[in-house]
Amino acid sequence: MKKAQLLLPILLLLTVFSTKTQAQFIGTFSIDSLVGLPDTVNANSSYMFGFKVRNAGNTTYSGSFSFDFFVDTMNGAISSFGAGQTGSFFPGDTITIPVSYQFSISNNTFNIGDNVVVVWPRALPGSTVLDSLTFHVYVTNLNGIDENGKTNSDLKVFPNPAKDFVSFTSEKNKIEEVRIYDMSGRLVLQSKSHLKIFTGNLTYGVYIAEAILSDGIITRKKIIAGGSAY
């Protein structure tokens, strides 16, 4: 009985010490910037990029980070860009943690067009996040519309940028048809009889110009066109 009475204060002391020690090791992190992601991505395609994270706490951390996010133009459901690994992450240091992610539209995570994304890091259970990062990403649907097409260096598409008209020429092959797609993959202009297309009614922006040649080659080039091109 006396031995139990002596052990009780020791156990209480160890419990308090353990609680304080765990509290000291709760991480505090800040997300500073997005690294390596293009402004425009293709739907259902995977991209490698990273997030720059700062250790704003007083504890060195080693382990994985998960980057949770939601798209405020969608239903607000929380998703994740996946996890990245770090070694000794010292207080005050800033590191870039790489991730790989497929920008899916099939599960309603992203929509075609502009998306406003809010992302924050998550490390230790109970870790503190000082802030989040908000960025825009424009998702296009060019599946089936390879913007490079087959190689045909002879094809010329001009002017670029184009305000009122865009012209297609090829010295080696006859051009059978020309088309212009917007960045969502929608066909907006088409002609089989004219190689000079009026673009003045288009909204100023980036488009894919396509030429179908007599030898079956299809060539595509990215252009800037629209009524406010200049």
C-alpha atoms as a PDB file:
ATOM      1  CA  MET A   1       0.000   0.000   0.000  1.00  0.00           C
ATOM      2  CA  LYS A   2       2.802   2.386   0.930  1.00  0.00           C
ATOM      3  CA  LYS A   3       4.608   1.492  -2.293  1.00  0.00           C
ATOM      4  CA  ALA A   4       1.476   2.373  -4.280  1.00  0.00           C
ATOM      5  CA  GLN A   5       1.186   5.693  -2.459  1.00  0.00           C
ATOM      6  CA  LEU A   6       4.800   6.485  -3.350  1.00  0.00           C
ATOM      7  CA  LEU A   7       4.334   5.566  -7.042  1.00  0.00           C
ATOM      8  CA  LEU A   8       1.209   7.707  -7.532  1.00  0.00           C
ATOM      9  CA  PRO A   9       2.961  11.112  -7.265  1.00  0.00           C
ATOM     10  CA  ILE A  10       5.705   9.855  -9.592  1.00  0.00           C
ATOM     11  CA  LEU A  11       3.157   8.738 -12.212  1.00  0.00           C
ATOM     12  CA  LEU A  12       1.348  12.077 -11.969  1.00  0.00           C
ATOM     13  CA  LEU A  13       4.642  13.926 -12.417  1.00  0.00           C
ATOM     14  CA  LEU A  14       5.541  11.818 -15.467  1.00  0.00           C
ATOM     15  CA  THR A  15       2.069  12.421 -16.954  1.00  0.00           C
ATOM     16  CA  VAL A  16       2.432  16.202 -16.579  1.00  0.00           C
ATOM     17  CA  PHE A  17       5.954  16.110 -18.071  1.00  0.00           C
ATOM     18  CA  SER A  18       4.762  13.968 -20.988  1.00  0.00           C
ATOM     19  CA  THR A  19       1.839  16.313 -21.688  1.00  0.00           C
ATOM     20  CA  LYS A  20       4.120  19.368 -21.689  1.00  0.00           C
ATOM     21  CA  THR A  21       6.634  17.602 -23.924  1.00  0.00           C
ATOM     22  CA  GLN A  22       3.942  16.655 -26.457  1.00  0.00           C
ATOM     23  CA  ALA A  23       2.607  20.225 -26.416  1.00  0.00           C
ATOM     24  CA  GLN A  24       6.068  21.564 -27.217  1.00  0.00           C
ATOM     25  CA  PHE A  25       6.263  19.265 -30.250  1.00  0.00           C
ATOM     26  CA  ILE A  26       3.050  20.403 -31.922  1.00  0.00           C
ATOM     27  CA  GLY A  27       4.163  21.833 -35.277  1.00  0.00           C
ATOM     28  CA  THR A  28       3.253  25.267 -36.602  1.00  0.00           C
ATOM     29  CA  PHE A  29       3.466  25.674 -40.366  1.00  0.00           C
ATOM     30  CA  SER A  30       2.808  28.348 -42.966  1.00  0.00           C
ATOM     31  CA  ILE A  31       2.293  27.830 -46.718  1.00  0.00           C
ATOM     32  CA  ASP A  32       4.013  30.564 -48.710  1.00  0.00           C
ATOM     33  CA  SER A  33       3.659  29.849 -52.435  1.00  0.00           C
ATOM     34  CA  LEU A  34       2.870  27.457 -55.272  1.00  0.00           C
ATOM     35  CA  VAL A  35       5.834  26.278 -57.377  1.00  0.00           C
ATOM     36  CA  GLY A  36       5.887  24.813 -60.892  1.00  0.00           C
ATOM     37  CA  LEU A  37       2.173  24.534 -61.742  1.00  0.00           C
ATOM     38  CA  PRO A  38       1.143  26.125 -65.078  1.00  0.00           C
ATOM     39  CA  ASP A  39      -1.670  28.681 -65.065  1.00  0.00           C
ATOM     40  CA  THR A  40      -3.566  26.421 -67.482  1.00  0.00           C
ATOM     41  CA  VAL A  41      -3.845  22.641 -67.077  1.00  0.00           C
ATOM     42  CA  ASN A  42      -5.567  19.949 -69.127  1.00  0.00           C
ATOM     43  CA  ALA A  43      -8.474  18.113 -67.524  1.00  0.00           C
ATOM     44  CA  ASN A  44      -7.746  14.621 -66.185  1.00  0.00           C
ATOM     45  CA  SER A  45      -3.994  15.070 -66.752  1.00  0.00           C
ATOM     46  CA  SER A  46      -1.337  14.695 -64.043  1.00  0.00           C
ATOM     47  CA  TYR A  47       1.168  17.413 -63.116  1.00  0.00           C
ATOM     48  CA  MET A  48       4.222  17.560 -60.876  1.00  0.00           C
ATOM     49  CA  PHE A  49       4.490  20.745 -58.802  1.00  0.00           C
ATOM     50  CA  GLY A  50       5.205  21.802 -55.242  1.00  0.00           C
ATOM     51  CA  PHE A  51       4.283  24.000 -52.300  1.00  0.00           C
ATOM     52  CA  LYS A  52       6.740  26.190 -50.407  1.00  0.00           C
ATOM     53  CA  VAL A  53       6.167  25.664 -46.666  1.00  0.00           C
ATOM     54  CA  ARG A  54       7.739  27.501 -43.704  1.00  0.00           C
ATOM     55  CA  ASN A  55       8.277  25.992 -40.252  1.00  0.00           C
ATOM     56  CA  ALA A  56       6.927  28.776 -38.050  1.00  0.00           C
ATOM     57  CA  GLY A  57       7.101  26.752 -34.836  1.00  0.00           C
ATOM     58  CA  ASN A  58       9.883  25.897 -32.414  1.00  0.00           C
ATOM     59  CA  THR A  59      10.221  22.203 -33.275  1.00  0.00           C
ATOM     60  CA  THR A  60      12.175  20.286 -35.899  1.00  0.00           C
ATOM     61  CA  TYR A  61       9.869  18.073 -37.926  1.00  0.00           C
ATOM     62  CA  SER A  62      10.569  14.999 -40.073  1.00  0.00           C
ATOM     63  CA  GLY A  63       7.801  13.204 -41.916  1.00  0.00           C
ATOM     64  CA  SER A  64       5.085  13.746 -44.475  1.00  0.00           C
ATOM     65  CA  PHE A  65       2.923  16.715 -45.363  1.00  0.00           C
ATOM     66  CA  SER A  66      -0.548  16.475 -46.833  1.00  0.00           C
ATOM     67  CA  PHE A  67      -1.945  19.444 -48.747  1.00  0.00           C
ATOM     68  CA  ASP A  68      -5.698  19.733 -48.285  1.00  0.00           C
ATOM     69  CA  PHE A  69      -7.747  22.049 -50.483  1.00  0.00           C
ATOM     70  CA  PHE A  70     -11.160  23.046 -51.686  1.00  0.00           C
ATOM     71  CA  VAL A  71     -12.320  24.799 -54.851  1.00  0.00           C
ATOM     72  CA  ASP A  72     -14.618  27.653 -53.919  1.00  0.00           C
ATOM     73  CA  THR A  73     -16.363  27.552 -57.309  1.00  0.00           C
ATOM     74  CA  MET A  74     -17.472  23.967 -56.657  1.00  0.00           C
ATOM     75  CA  ASN A  75     -19.332  22.427 -53.706  1.00  0.00           C
ATOM     76  CA  GLY A  76     -16.705  23.270 -51.105  1.00  0.00           C
ATOM     77  CA  ALA A  77     -15.804  19.631 -50.393  1.00  0.00           C
ATOM     78  CA  ILE A  78     -12.284  19.170 -49.016  1.00  0.00           C
ATOM     79  CA  SER A  79      -9.878  17.148 -51.164  1.00  0.00           C
ATOM     80  CA  SER A  80      -6.119  16.566 -51.066  1.00  0.00           C
ATOM     81  CA  PHE A  81      -3.251  17.207 -53.485  1.00  0.00           C
ATOM     82  CA  GLY A  82      -1.532  14.234 -51.887  1.00  0.00           C
ATOM     83  CA  ALA A  83       1.446  13.953 -49.573  1.00  0.00           C
ATOM     84  CA  GLY A  84       5.113  14.836 -49.807  1.00  0.00           C
ATOM     85  CA  GLN A  85       8.000  13.830 -47.582  1.00  0.00           C
ATOM     86  CA  THR A  86      10.578  15.955 -45.780  1.00  0.00           C
ATOM     87  CA  GLY A  87      13.672  15.226 -43.710  1.00  0.00           C
ATOM     88  CA  SER A  88      14.778  17.450 -40.839  1.00  0.00           C
ATOM     89  CA  PHE A  89      12.648  20.577 -41.177  1.00  0.00           C
ATOM     90  CA  PHE A  90      14.131  23.087 -38.736  1.00  0.00           C
ATOM     91  CA  PRO A  91      12.300  26.066 -37.175  1.00  0.00           C
ATOM     92  CA  GLY A  92      12.478  29.121 -39.413  1.00  0.00           C
ATOM     93  CA  ASP A  93      13.384  27.108 -42.515  1.00  0.00           C
ATOM     94  CA  THR A  94      11.419  27.140 -45.776  1.00  0.00           C
ATOM     95  CA  ILE A  95      11.288  24.105 -48.059  1.00  0.00           C
ATOM     96  CA  THR A  96       9.477  23.147 -51.263  1.00  0.00           C
ATOM     97  CA  ILE A  97       7.581  19.871 -50.996  1.00  0.00           C
ATOM     98  CA  PRO A  98       6.778  18.187 -54.348  1.00  0.00           C
ATOM     99  CA  VAL A  99       3.433  16.540 -55.109  1.00  0.00           C
ATOM    100  CA  SER A 100       1.796  14.918 -58.128  1.00  0.00           C
ATOM    101  CA  TYR A 101      -1.874  15.450 -58.877  1.00  0.00           C
ATOM    102  CA  GLN A 102      -4.421  14.690 -61.593  1.00  0.00           C
ATOM    103  CA  PHE A 103      -6.853  17.550 -62.196  1.00  0.00           C
ATOM    104  CA  SER A 104     -10.075  15.588 -62.456  1.00  0.00           C
ATOM    105  CA  ILE A 105     -13.357  16.960 -63.760  1.00  0.00           C
ATOM    106  CA  SER A 106     -15.101  13.581 -63.715  1.00  0.00           C
ATOM    107  CA  ASN A 107     -15.605  13.638 -59.932  1.00  0.00           C
ATOM    108  CA  ASN A 108     -16.627  17.332 -59.830  1.00  0.00           C
ATOM    109  CA  THR A 109     -13.457  18.414 -58.017  1.00  0.00           C
ATOM    110  CA  PHE A 110     -12.593  20.978 -60.707  1.00  0.00           C
ATOM    111  CA  ASN A 111     -14.693  22.574 -63.411  1.00  0.00           C
ATOM    112  CA  ILE A 112     -13.746  23.595 -66.948  1.00  0.00           C
ATOM    113  CA  GLY A 113     -12.598  27.197 -66.853  1.00  0.00           C
ATOM    114  CA  ASP A 114     -11.222  29.272 -63.985  1.00  0.00           C
ATOM    115  CA  ASN A 115     -10.976  27.660 -60.531  1.00  0.00           C
ATOM    116  CA  VAL A 116     -10.165  29.460 -57.287  1.00  0.00           C
ATOM    117  CA  VAL A 117      -8.288  27.026 -55.033  1.00  0.00           C
ATOM    118  CA  VAL A 118      -7.638  27.398 -51.285  1.00  0.00           C
ATOM    119  CA  VAL A 119      -4.909  25.054 -49.960  1.00  0.00           C
ATOM    120  CA  TRP A 120      -3.250  24.511 -46.580  1.00  0.00           C
ATOM    121  CA  PRO A 121      -0.592  22.077 -45.221  1.00  0.00           C
ATOM    122  CA  ARG A 122      -1.272  19.324 -42.705  1.00  0.00           C
ATOM    123  CA  ALA A 123       1.522  17.497 -40.884  1.00  0.00           C
ATOM    124  CA  LEU A 124       1.357  16.257 -37.298  1.00  0.00           C
ATOM    125  CA  PRO A 125      -2.061  15.437 -35.827  1.00  0.00           C
ATOM    126  CA  GLY A 126      -3.044  18.618 -34.098  1.00  0.00           C
ATOM    127  CA  SER A 127      -0.491  20.770 -35.903  1.00  0.00           C
ATOM    128  CA  THR A 128      -1.241  24.470 -36.236  1.00  0.00           C
ATOM    129  CA  VAL A 129      -1.600  26.154 -39.626  1.00  0.00           C
ATOM    130  CA  LEU A 130      -0.896  29.880 -39.635  1.00  0.00           C
ATOM    131  CA  ASP A 131      -2.447  30.599 -43.031  1.00  0.00           C
ATOM    132  CA  SER A 132      -3.701  29.146 -46.308  1.00  0.00           C
ATOM    133  CA  LEU A 133      -2.778  29.873 -49.915  1.00  0.00           C
ATOM    134  CA  THR A 134      -5.265  30.935 -52.594  1.00  0.00           C
ATOM    135  CA  PHE A 135      -4.462  30.590 -56.296  1.00  0.00           C
ATOM    136  CA  HIS A 136      -6.220  30.363 -59.665  1.00  0.00           C
ATOM    137  CA  VAL A 137      -5.887  27.483 -62.109  1.00  0.00           C
ATOM    138  CA  TYR A 138      -7.610  27.382 -65.507  1.00  0.00           C
ATOM    139  CA  VAL A 139      -8.694  23.880 -66.510  1.00  0.00           C
ATOM    140  CA  THR A 140      -9.122  23.099 -70.205  1.00  0.00           C
ATOM    141  CA  ASN A 141     -10.556  20.016 -71.875  1.00  0.00           C
ATOM    142  CA  LEU A 142      -8.190  19.316 -74.762  1.00  0.00           C
ATOM    143  CA  ASN A 143      -8.429  15.533 -74.569  1.00  0.00           C
ATOM    144  CA  GLY A 144      -8.571  14.460 -78.190  1.00  0.00           C
ATOM    145  CA  ILE A 145      -7.230  17.867 -79.319  1.00  0.00           C
ATOM    146  CA  ASP A 146      -3.468  17.589 -79.171  1.00  0.00           C
ATOM    147  CA  GLU A 147      -2.311  21.167 -79.565  1.00  0.00           C
ATOM    148  CA  ASN A 148       0.896  20.063 -81.266  1.00  0.00           C
ATOM    149  CA  GLY A 149      -0.680  17.692 -83.797  1.00  0.00           C
ATOM    150  CA  LYS A 150       1.644  16.031 -86.295  1.00  0.00           C
ATOM    151  CA  THR A 151       4.785  17.807 -87.348  1.00  0.00           C
ATOM    152  CA  ASN A 152       4.481  20.144 -90.315  1.00  0.00           C
ATOM    153  CA  SER A 153       6.946  23.015 -90.049  1.00  0.00           C
ATOM    154  CA  ASP A 154       5.722  24.372 -93.397  1.00  0.00           C
ATOM    155  CA  LEU A 155       2.369  25.500 -91.985  1.00  0.00           C
ATOM    156  CA  LYS A 156       2.145  29.170 -91.065  1.00  0.00           C
ATOM    157  CA  VAL A 157      -0.624  30.733 -88.973  1.00  0.00           C
ATOM    158  CA  PHE A 158      -0.500  34.539 -88.835  1.00  0.00           C
ATOM    159  CA  PRO A 159      -0.747  37.141 -87.449  1.00  0.00           C
ATOM    160  CA  ASN A 160      -0.340  35.991 -83.889  1.00  0.00           C
ATOM    161  CA  PRO A 161      -1.830  37.706 -81.915  1.00  0.00           C
ATOM    162  CA  ALA A 162      -4.750  38.102 -84.346  1.00  0.00           C
ATOM    163  CA  LYS A 163      -7.317  40.857 -83.914  1.00  0.00           C
ATOM    164  CA  ASP A 164      -9.670  40.623 -86.898  1.00  0.00           C
ATOM    165  CA  PHE A 165      -8.344  37.816 -89.114  1.00  0.00           C
ATOM    166  CA  VAL A 166      -6.024  34.820 -88.922  1.00  0.00           C
ATOM    167  CA  SER A 167      -4.558  33.260 -92.091  1.00  0.00           C
ATOM    168  CA  PHE A 168      -3.267  29.743 -92.820  1.00  0.00           C
ATOM    169  CA  THR A 169      -0.651  28.978 -95.497  1.00  0.00           C
ATOM    170  CA  SER A 170       1.340  25.916 -96.570  1.00  0.00           C
ATOM    171  CA  GLU A 171       3.665  25.768 -99.592  1.00  0.00           C
ATOM    172  CA  LYS A 172       4.044  21.984 -99.660  1.00  0.00           C
ATOM    173  CA  ASN A 173       0.469  20.822 -99.046  1.00  0.00           C
ATOM    174  CA  LYS A 174      -3.009  21.980 -99.897  1.00  0.00           C
ATOM    175  CA  ILE A 175      -5.035  22.988 -96.854  1.00  0.00           C
ATOM    176  CA  GLU A 176      -8.404  21.237 -96.945  1.00  0.00           C
ATOM    177  CA  GLU A 177      -9.977  22.711 -93.829  1.00  0.00           C
ATOM    178  CA  VAL A 178      -9.170  25.079 -90.959  1.00  0.00           C
ATOM    179  CA  ARG A 179     -10.669  25.123 -87.480  1.00  0.00           C
ATOM    180  CA  ILE A 180     -10.256  27.121 -84.282  1.00  0.00           C
ATOM    181  CA  TYR A 181     -10.992  25.688 -80.825  1.00  0.00           C
ATOM    182  CA  ASP A 182     -11.237  27.507 -77.513  1.00  0.00           C
ATOM    183  CA  MET A 183      -9.282  26.189 -74.518  1.00  0.00           C
ATOM    184  CA  SER A 184     -12.208  24.079 -73.308  1.00  0.00           C
ATOM    185  CA  GLY A 185     -12.012  22.102 -76.563  1.00  0.00           C
ATOM    186  CA  ARG A 186     -15.112  23.673 -78.116  1.00  0.00           C
ATOM    187  CA  LEU A 187     -15.034  24.300 -81.873  1.00  0.00           C
ATOM    188  CA  VAL A 188     -15.671  28.038 -82.358  1.00  0.00           C
ATOM    189  CA  LEU A 189     -14.715  28.664 -86.018  1.00  0.00           C
ATOM    190  CA  GLN A 190     -14.440  26.443 -89.081  1.00  0.00           C
ATOM    191  CA  SER A 191     -13.945  26.886 -92.836  1.00  0.00           C
ATOM    192  CA  LYS A 192     -13.373  24.616 -95.839  1.00  0.00           C
ATOM    193  CA  SER A 193     -13.381  27.381 -98.461  1.00  0.00           C
ATOM    194  CA  HIS A 194     -11.423  30.230 -96.883  1.00  0.00           C
ATOM    195  CA  LEU A 195      -7.937  30.157 -95.408  1.00  0.00           C
ATOM    196  CA  LYS A 196      -8.434  33.566 -93.829  1.00  0.00           C
ATOM    197  CA  ILE A 197     -10.882  33.439 -90.905  1.00  0.00           C
ATOM    198  CA  PHE A 198     -12.526  36.423 -89.212  1.00  0.00           C
ATOM    199  CA  THR A 199     -11.705  36.368 -85.480  1.00  0.00           C
ATOM    200  CA  GLY A 200     -13.024  39.805 -84.509  1.00  0.00           C
ATOM    201  CA  ASN A 201     -16.081  38.347 -82.748  1.00  0.00           C
ATOM    202  CA  LEU A 202     -14.049  36.041 -80.541  1.00  0.00           C
ATOM    203  CA  THR A 203     -13.424  36.879 -76.901  1.00  0.00           C
ATOM    204  CA  TYR A 204      -9.774  37.830 -76.526  1.00  0.00           C
ATOM    205  CA  GLY A 205      -7.786  34.832 -75.304  1.00  0.00           C
ATOM    206  CA  VAL A 206      -5.791  31.718 -76.176  1.00  0.00           C
ATOM    207  CA  TYR A 207      -7.085  29.337 -78.874  1.00  0.00           C
ATOM    208  CA  ILE A 208      -5.949  26.250 -80.782  1.00  0.00           C
ATOM    209  CA  ALA A 209      -5.728  26.750 -84.571  1.00  0.00           C
ATOM    210  CA  GLU A 210      -6.004  23.531 -86.592  1.00  0.00           C
ATOM    211  CA  ALA A 211      -5.280  22.837 -90.263  1.00  0.00           C
ATOM    212  CA  ILE A 212      -6.193  19.613 -92.066  1.00  0.00           C
ATOM    213  CA  LEU A 213      -3.853  19.064 -95.023  1.00  0.00           C
ATOM    214  CA  SER A 214      -4.328  17.142 -98.256  1.00  0.00           C
ATOM    215  CA  ASP A 215      -1.859  14.436 -97.207  1.00  0.00           C
ATOM    216  CA  GLY A 216      -3.926  13.714 -94.067  1.00  0.00           C
ATOM    217  CA  ILE A 217      -1.629  15.529 -91.660  1.00  0.00           C
ATOM    218  CA  ILE A 218      -3.407  17.562 -88.981  1.00  0.00           C
ATOM    219  CA  THR A 219      -1.349  20.384 -87.510  1.00  0.00           C
ATOM    220  CA  ARG A 220      -2.318  22.537 -84.548  1.00  0.00           C
ATOM    221  CA  LYS A 221      -0.787  25.684 -83.142  1.00  0.00           C
ATOM    222  CA  LYS A 222      -1.619  27.808 -80.145  1.00  0.00           C
ATOM    223  CA  ILE A 223      -2.649  31.371 -81.015  1.00  0.00           C
ATOM    224  CA  ILE A 224      -3.921  34.493 -79.278  1.00  0.00           C
ATOM    225  CA  ALA A 225      -6.984  35.952 -80.964  1.00  0.00           C
ATOM    226  CA  GLY A 226     -10.008  38.134 -80.376  1.00  0.00           C
ATOM    227  CA  GLY A 227     -11.407  41.611 -80.852  1.00  0.00           C
ATOM    228  CA  SER A 228      -9.117  43.121 -78.217  1.00  0.00           C
ATOM    229  CA  ALA A 229      -5.877  41.546 -79.363  1.00  0.00           C
ATOM    230  CA  TYR A 230      -4.262  44.961 -79.776  1.00  0.00           C
END
